[in-house]
């Protein structure tokens, strides 16, 4: 699965729970928060001051390595 910045956090986590570790490592310690589940990755990155494009690339590289 290819992750995009317009995907909701909840959908990303349901696709691969292992991505939680990457999100938390980037500083998103609120991934379990109910409101975070409905945010897009881009929205969450803006709130946390994280470069969304870098994070998307990191997640997709991780996904490729799992294939």
Protein backbone atom coordinates (compact mmCIF):
# COMPACT_ATOMS: atom_id res chain seq x y z
CA UNK A 1 0.00 0.00 0.00
CA UNK A 2 1.27 3.47 -0.85
CA UNK A 3 0.71 6.06 1.86
CA UNK A 4 -0.20 9.62 0.87
CA UNK A 5 -0.40 12.81 2.91
CA UNK A 6 -4.16 13.06 2.44
CA UNK A 7 -4.82 9.69 4.09
CA UNK A 8 -6.34 9.66 7.57
CA UNK A 9 -4.14 8.52 10.44
CA UNK A 10 -6.69 5.86 11.42
CA UNK A 11 -6.67 4.38 7.91
CA UNK A 12 -2.87 4.33 7.82
CA UNK A 13 -2.68 2.52 11.16
CA UNK A 14 -5.33 0.01 10.12
CA UNK A 15 -3.36 -0.69 6.94
CA UNK A 16 -0.18 -1.46 8.91
CA UNK A 17 -0.05 -1.11 12.69
CA UNK A 18 3.77 -1.11 12.53
CA UNK A 19 3.61 2.44 11.13
CA UNK A 20 2.67 3.63 14.63
CA UNK A 21 6.33 3.25 15.60
CA UNK A 22 7.39 5.56 12.76
CA UNK A 23 4.75 8.15 13.64
CA UNK A 24 5.73 8.12 17.29
CA UNK A 25 9.40 8.34 16.37
CA UNK A 26 8.60 11.46 14.35
CA UNK A 27 6.98 13.06 17.40
CA UNK A 28 3.33 12.11 16.96
CA UNK A 29 2.72 10.67 20.41
CA UNK A 30 -1.03 11.22 20.08
CA UNK A 31 -1.68 8.54 17.42
CA UNK A 32 -4.01 6.73 19.81
CA UNK A 33 -6.09 9.84 20.47
CA UNK A 34 -9.60 9.54 18.98
CA UNK A 35 -9.38 12.93 17.26
CA UNK A 36 -6.05 12.01 15.67
CA UNK A 37 -7.68 9.03 13.97
CA UNK A 38 -9.76 11.36 11.79
CA UNK A 39 -6.94 13.74 10.88
CA UNK A 40 -5.04 13.41 7.65
CA UNK A 41 -1.33 12.80 7.86
CA UNK A 42 -0.78 16.29 6.48
CA UNK A 43 -2.96 17.89 9.16
CA UNK A 44 -1.17 16.00 11.93
CA UNK A 45 2.22 16.99 10.54
CA UNK A 46 1.22 20.66 10.47
CA UNK A 47 0.15 20.50 14.13
CA UNK A 48 3.42 18.84 15.15
CA UNK A 49 5.76 20.85 12.91
CA UNK A 50 6.83 17.79 10.91
CA UNK A 51 7.69 17.82 7.20
CA UNK A 52 4.90 15.70 5.72
CA UNK A 53 6.79 14.85 2.53
CA UNK A 54 9.75 13.48 4.49
CA UNK A 55 7.45 11.43 6.70
CA UNK A 56 5.49 10.04 3.74
CA UNK A 57 8.75 9.00 2.11
CA UNK A 58 9.97 7.32 5.30
CA UNK A 59 6.70 5.41 5.71
CA UNK A 60 6.65 4.29 2.08
CA UNK A 61 10.29 3.16 2.26
CA UNK A 62 9.35 1.12 5.32
CA UNK A 63 6.38 -0.39 3.49
CA UNK A 64 8.60 -1.34 0.51
CA UNK A 65 11.08 -3.02 2.83
CA UNK A 66 8.26 -5.15 4.29
CA UNK A 67 7.14 -6.47 0.89
